[in-house]
Amino acid sequence: MEVGILGLPGVGKTCLFNALTSGTIAATQSAAKPNVGMANVPDERLAQINQFITTQRIVHATVKFVDIAGLSKGASHGDGLGNKFLAYIREADAVLEIVRCFESADVPHIDGSIDPVRDVETVETEMIFADLETVEKNIDKQRKHARAGNDKEAVAAVAILEHIIPDLQRGTPIRRMGLKPEQMKFIRTLGLVSDKRVLYIANVGEDDLEGTGTHASRLREHVGKQAGGGRHGRAGVRQARGRTRGTRPRGPRHDASGNGHQDRGIGGGDQGRLPPPGPPEFLHRRPR
């Protein structure tokens, strides 16, 4: 499984990446190339199975994390690092979106103030704009094929694209359109980025380790509306457990096996699994 870590510049993406992968990458807001790391997902059941079915070695599942450079307004149109981020998101199976929910004069926000809802909308808008550009290019090609002959697949593709374009123009991501399985089968051939499942992570400050402050609460409310609102939304927000100390991790701790994940609440059992398909999820980083 491959997971992309996404967000605005300076929100803590690389800090989380280091915590997940036991990395020591220095945070930078201008990295053109993503950081890539692997994390084991320990499963104690494998050792139990090995007591009855002996193997030479036990191979745990792994997750590939890609720390993508921070997005900014206009990225889909070439501003900042431009749409280089698209290729990395397209390859990911899911997205961890880091949202800043702490105040600090030492860490200036790219937009000058802390507003988690605005930040989520900025990232989502750039992804939607990128998808809209992809879809508009593809529909022209499909229309040519449909006119050239009796191409039933092209005709069906045009119908699907004509159906989703208005929703994209209204700012609705693919994952919230409630498309049918046969429609999604074609959509996924286009590599659209707003189709990815998203887990929102609130990066909170030392004064809000439980994630109940104003900023984290606004983010939770916004994610809840995304899940329950609209024509095709579903109600409910799942709060997963994460562990860290403060807004900037001080480096990973390693267990006897060399993994740095247990201390962060990432390893073992269900904690190592991404949420099942469904509405957007919410996670705030909290202490042990």
Protein backbone atom coordinates (compact mmCIF):
# COMPACT_ATOMS: atom_id res chain seq x y z
CA MET A 1 0.00 0.00 0.00
CA GLU A 2 1.19 3.51 -0.82
CA VAL A 3 0.05 6.56 1.15
CA GLY A 4 0.72 10.17 0.19
CA ILE A 5 1.24 12.76 2.95
CA LEU A 6 -0.24 16.03 1.76
CA GLY A 7 -0.90 19.54 3.04
CA LEU A 8 0.11 23.18 2.84
CA PRO A 9 3.76 24.15 3.40
CA GLY A 10 4.97 24.12 6.99
CA VAL A 11 2.09 22.16 8.55
CA GLY A 12 4.16 19.23 9.84
CA LYS A 13 4.15 16.73 6.96
CA THR A 14 7.82 15.81 7.22
CA CYS A 15 7.63 15.55 11.02
CA LEU A 16 4.84 13.00 10.68
CA PHE A 17 6.74 11.23 7.90
CA ASN A 18 9.76 10.87 10.18
CA ALA A 19 7.59 9.55 13.02
CA LEU A 20 5.95 6.96 10.75
CA THR A 21 9.13 5.77 9.04
CA SER A 22 11.77 6.32 11.77
CA GLY A 23 13.31 8.86 9.43
CA THR A 24 15.53 11.85 10.13
CA ILE A 25 14.64 14.02 7.14
CA ALA A 26 15.04 17.74 7.76
CA ALA A 27 11.83 19.70 7.20
CA THR A 28 11.89 22.05 4.22
CA GLN A 29 9.13 23.93 2.46
CA SER A 30 10.73 23.88 -0.99
CA ALA A 31 11.60 20.23 -1.61
CA ALA A 32 10.77 19.49 -5.25
CA LYS A 33 11.20 15.74 -4.80
CA PRO A 34 9.14 13.80 -2.25
CA ASN A 35 10.61 11.90 0.66
CA VAL A 36 9.88 8.19 0.47
CA GLY A 37 10.00 5.73 3.35
CA MET A 38 8.65 2.37 4.42
CA ALA A 39 6.96 1.40 7.68
CA ASN A 40 6.35 -2.12 8.93
CA VAL A 41 2.89 -3.04 10.13
CA PRO A 42 3.55 -5.60 12.88
CA ASP A 43 0.88 -8.26 13.35
CA GLU A 44 1.24 -10.56 16.37
CA ARG A 45 -1.11 -13.07 14.73
CA LEU A 46 1.66 -14.05 12.31
CA ALA A 47 3.78 -15.35 15.19
CA GLN A 48 0.83 -17.37 16.44
CA ILE A 49 0.25 -18.86 13.00
CA ASN A 50 3.96 -19.65 12.76
CA GLN A 51 3.64 -21.90 15.82
CA PHE A 52 1.49 -24.25 13.74
CA ILE A 53 2.76 -23.54 10.22
CA THR A 54 6.53 -23.15 10.41
CA THR A 55 8.22 -20.80 7.95
CA GLN A 56 11.83 -19.72 7.53
CA ARG A 57 10.95 -16.12 8.30
CA ILE A 58 7.95 -13.95 9.05
CA VAL A 59 7.36 -11.08 6.62
CA HIS A 60 5.15 -8.31 7.97
CA ALA A 61 3.05 -6.05 5.77
CA THR A 62 4.56 -2.70 4.90
CA VAL A 63 3.20 0.71 3.99
CA LYS A 64 5.04 3.06 1.67
CA PHE A 65 4.75 6.70 2.75
CA VAL A 66 5.44 9.55 0.33
CA ASP A 67 6.01 12.99 1.86
CA ILE A 68 4.83 15.33 -0.91
CA ALA A 69 6.01 18.95 -1.06
CA GLY A 70 3.52 21.47 0.32
CA LEU A 71 0.73 22.65 -1.95
CA SER A 72 -0.30 26.27 -2.29
CA LYS A 73 -3.01 28.19 -4.10
CA GLY A 74 -2.57 27.98 -7.86
CA ALA A 75 -0.51 24.78 -7.79
CA SER A 76 -2.83 23.12 -10.31
CA HIS A 77 -2.11 26.00 -12.71
CA GLY A 78 1.67 25.88 -12.28
CA ASP A 79 2.23 28.24 -9.34
CA GLY A 80 4.84 27.29 -6.75
CA LEU A 81 6.03 23.76 -7.48
CA GLY A 82 3.14 23.50 -9.90
CA ASN A 83 1.33 20.28 -10.59
CA LYS A 84 4.32 18.01 -9.98
CA PHE A 85 2.40 16.82 -6.93
CA LEU A 86 -0.18 15.18 -9.19
CA ALA A 87 2.02 12.30 -10.27
CA TYR A 88 2.78 11.35 -6.67
CA ILE A 89 -0.85 11.52 -5.56
CA ARG A 90 -2.02 9.49 -8.56
CA GLU A 91 0.23 6.64 -7.50
CA ALA A 92 -1.02 6.67 -3.90
CA ASP A 93 -3.81 4.43 -2.62
CA ALA A 94 -4.86 6.97 0.01
CA VAL A 95 -3.94 10.42 1.31
CA LEU A 96 -3.01 11.64 4.78
CA GLU A 97 -3.80 15.35 4.82
CA ILE A 98 -2.03 17.25 7.60
CA VAL A 99 -3.93 20.31 8.79
CA ARG A 100 -2.39 22.89 11.09
CA CYS A 101 -4.47 23.48 14.23
CA PHE A 102 -1.97 25.27 16.47
CA GLU A 103 -0.85 28.87 16.96
CA SER A 104 2.85 29.72 16.95
CA ALA A 105 4.65 32.95 16.14
CA ASP A 106 7.79 30.90 15.49
CA VAL A 107 6.12 29.00 12.63
CA PRO A 108 4.43 31.47 10.25
CA HIS A 109 1.49 30.22 8.19
CA ILE A 110 1.75 30.62 4.43
CA ASP A 111 -1.57 32.51 4.40
CA GLY A 112 -0.79 34.59 7.49
CA SER A 113 -3.38 33.10 9.87
CA ILE A 114 -4.59 29.76 11.24
CA ASP A 115 -7.79 28.54 9.59
CA PRO A 116 -8.02 24.75 9.20
CA VAL A 117 -11.23 24.89 7.15
CA ARG A 118 -9.68 27.31 4.65
CA ASP A 119 -6.58 25.11 4.43
CA VAL A 120 -8.60 21.97 3.72
CA GLU A 121 -10.59 23.80 1.06
CA THR A 122 -7.38 25.12 -0.55
CA VAL A 123 -5.90 21.65 -0.95
CA GLU A 124 -9.19 20.15 -2.12
CA THR A 125 -9.73 22.95 -4.64
CA GLU A 126 -6.31 22.40 -6.20
CA MET A 127 -7.01 18.69 -6.54
CA ILE A 128 -10.42 19.37 -8.09
CA PHE A 129 -8.99 21.92 -10.54
CA ALA A 130 -6.35 19.41 -11.58
CA ASP A 131 -9.02 16.74 -12.14
CA LEU A 132 -11.20 19.14 -14.10
CA GLU A 133 -8.32 19.89 -16.46
CA THR A 134 -7.69 16.16 -16.95
CA VAL A 135 -11.36 15.42 -17.57
CA GLU A 136 -11.82 18.26 -20.07
CA LYS A 137 -8.84 17.04 -22.08
CA ASN A 138 -10.08 13.46 -22.01
CA ILE A 139 -13.64 14.26 -23.04
CA ASP A 140 -12.41 15.95 -26.22
CA LYS A 141 -10.50 12.79 -27.14
CA GLN A 142 -13.47 10.55 -26.32
CA ARG A 143 -15.83 12.71 -28.41
CA LYS A 144 -13.53 12.33 -31.42
CA HIS A 145 -13.55 8.55 -31.02
CA ALA A 146 -17.34 8.56 -30.61
CA ARG A 147 -17.84 10.58 -33.80
CA ALA A 148 -15.34 8.54 -35.81
CA GLY A 149 -17.38 5.37 -35.68
CA ASN A 150 -19.62 3.12 -33.68
CA ASP A 151 -17.40 3.20 -30.56
CA LYS A 152 -19.73 2.27 -27.72
CA GLU A 153 -17.02 2.59 -25.09
CA ALA A 154 -16.23 6.15 -26.16
CA VAL A 155 -19.93 7.06 -26.15
CA ALA A 156 -20.24 5.69 -22.61
CA ALA A 157 -17.10 7.53 -21.54
CA VAL A 158 -18.46 10.84 -22.87
CA ALA A 159 -21.67 10.33 -20.91
CA ILE A 160 -19.75 9.71 -17.68
CA LEU A 161 -17.48 12.70 -18.17
CA GLU A 162 -20.40 14.99 -19.04
CA HIS A 163 -22.01 13.80 -15.80
CA ILE A 164 -19.06 14.61 -13.52
CA ILE A 165 -17.88 17.90 -15.08
CA PRO A 166 -20.68 20.03 -13.54
CA ASP A 167 -19.98 18.55 -10.10
CA LEU A 168 -16.26 19.26 -10.43
CA GLN A 169 -17.07 22.81 -11.49
CA ARG A 170 -19.18 23.17 -8.34
CA GLY A 171 -16.24 22.03 -6.23
CA THR A 172 -17.31 18.46 -5.48
CA PRO A 173 -14.47 15.90 -5.42
CA ILE A 174 -14.92 12.58 -7.20
CA ARG A 175 -15.05 10.63 -3.92
CA ARG A 176 -18.22 12.48 -2.86
CA MET A 177 -20.17 12.17 -6.12
CA GLY A 178 -21.70 8.79 -5.32
CA LEU A 179 -20.81 7.35 -8.71
CA LYS A 180 -21.84 3.83 -9.67
CA PRO A 181 -19.25 1.01 -9.78
CA GLU A 182 -19.38 0.84 -13.57
CA GLN A 183 -18.75 4.60 -13.75
CA MET A 184 -15.86 4.38 -11.29
CA LYS A 185 -14.28 1.59 -13.34
CA PHE A 186 -13.71 4.10 -16.14
CA ILE A 187 -12.98 7.07 -13.86
CA ARG A 188 -10.09 5.23 -12.21
CA THR A 189 -8.37 4.81 -15.57
CA LEU A 190 -7.93 8.60 -15.65
CA GLY A 191 -5.83 8.84 -12.48
CA LEU A 192 -7.98 11.53 -10.89
CA VAL A 193 -6.64 12.72 -7.54
CA SER A 194 -9.88 13.82 -5.85
CA ASP A 195 -10.95 10.16 -5.96
CA LYS A 196 -8.45 9.25 -3.21
CA ARG A 197 -9.66 8.39 0.25
CA VAL A 198 -8.51 11.03 2.75
CA LEU A 199 -7.56 10.77 6.43
CA TYR A 200 -7.36 14.26 7.96
CA ILE A 201 -4.77 14.69 10.71
CA ALA A 202 -5.03 17.74 12.97
CA ASN A 203 -1.58 18.90 14.06
CA VAL A 204 -2.39 20.36 17.47
CA GLY A 205 -0.28 22.38 19.93
CA GLU A 206 0.96 21.58 23.42
CA ASP A 207 -2.04 23.42 24.84
CA ASP A 208 -4.58 21.22 22.99
CA LEU A 209 -3.25 17.69 23.15
CA GLU A 210 -6.77 16.26 23.34
CA GLY A 211 -7.83 18.06 20.16
CA THR A 212 -10.75 19.89 21.75
CA GLY A 213 -9.59 23.44 21.01
CA THR A 214 -11.17 25.89 18.58
CA HIS A 215 -9.11 24.99 15.52
CA ALA A 216 -9.32 21.21 15.90
CA SER A 217 -13.04 21.44 16.68
CA ARG A 218 -13.67 23.49 13.52
CA LEU A 219 -11.79 20.91 11.47
CA ARG A 220 -13.77 18.07 13.04
CA GLU A 221 -17.05 19.88 12.33
CA HIS A 222 -16.04 20.57 8.72
CA VAL A 223 -15.06 16.95 8.12
CA GLY A 224 -18.34 15.85 9.67
CA LYS A 225 -20.28 18.05 7.26
CA GLN A 226 -18.33 16.60 4.34
CA ALA A 227 -19.22 13.12 5.47
CA GLY A 228 -22.88 13.83 6.12
CA GLY A 229 -23.78 16.62 3.74
CA GLY A 230 -24.51 16.80 0.04
CA ARG A 231 -26.47 14.50 -2.21
CA HIS A 232 -24.24 11.49 -1.78
CA GLY A 233 -22.60 12.04 1.60
CA ARG A 234 -22.82 9.69 4.56
CA ALA A 235 -22.99 10.85 8.16
CA GLY A 236 -20.38 10.02 10.77
CA VAL A 237 -16.79 10.87 11.60
CA ARG A 238 -14.38 8.28 12.90
CA GLN A 239 -11.75 9.45 15.37
CA ALA A 240 -8.66 7.27 15.32
CA ARG A 241 -5.91 7.23 17.92
CA GLY A 242 -2.51 8.75 17.24
CA ARG A 243 0.35 9.47 19.63
CA THR A 244 2.92 12.21 19.68
CA ARG A 245 4.18 14.83 22.02
CA GLY A 246 3.66 18.40 20.95
CA THR A 247 3.33 19.82 17.50
CA ARG A 248 6.85 18.94 16.38
CA PRO A 249 8.01 15.38 17.09
CA ARG A 250 11.45 15.19 18.70
CA GLY A 251 12.49 12.10 16.76
CA PRO A 252 11.35 8.49 16.77
CA ARG A 253 11.97 5.99 19.54
CA HIS A 254 12.92 2.47 18.57
CA ASP A 255 11.80 -0.78 20.09
CA ALA A 256 13.91 -3.92 20.31
CA SER A 257 13.17 -4.83 16.72
CA GLY A 258 14.39 -1.49 15.41
CA ASN A 259 10.91 -0.17 14.66
CA GLY A 260 10.03 3.33 15.74
CA HIS A 261 6.27 2.96 15.49
CA GLN A 262 4.92 1.59 18.77
CA ASP A 263 5.75 4.78 20.66
CA ARG A 264 3.67 6.77 18.18
CA GLY A 265 0.68 4.46 18.37
CA ILE A 266 1.16 3.31 14.80
CA GLY A 267 2.23 -0.30 15.13
CA GLY A 268 0.31 -3.42 15.99
CA GLY A 269 -3.19 -4.74 15.41
CA ASP A 270 -5.82 -2.45 13.98
CA GLN A 271 -3.73 0.69 14.53
CA GLY A 272 -1.61 -0.22 11.52
CA ARG A 273 -4.53 -0.25 9.14
CA LEU A 274 -6.03 2.55 7.16
CA PRO A 275 -9.76 3.14 7.61
CA PRO A 276 -12.14 1.19 5.36
CA PRO A 277 -13.80 2.85 2.36
CA GLY A 278 -16.27 5.49 3.40
CA PRO A 279 -16.52 9.19 4.23
CA PRO A 280 -13.52 11.39 5.08
CA GLU A 281 -11.89 10.49 8.36
CA PHE A 282 -10.50 12.61 11.18
CA LEU A 283 -7.51 12.02 13.42
CA HIS A 284 -5.97 14.38 15.93
CA ARG A 285 -2.50 13.76 17.24
CA ARG A 286 -2.67 13.26 20.98
CA PRO A 287 -0.42 12.13 23.86
CA ARG A 288 -0.13 8.68 25.37
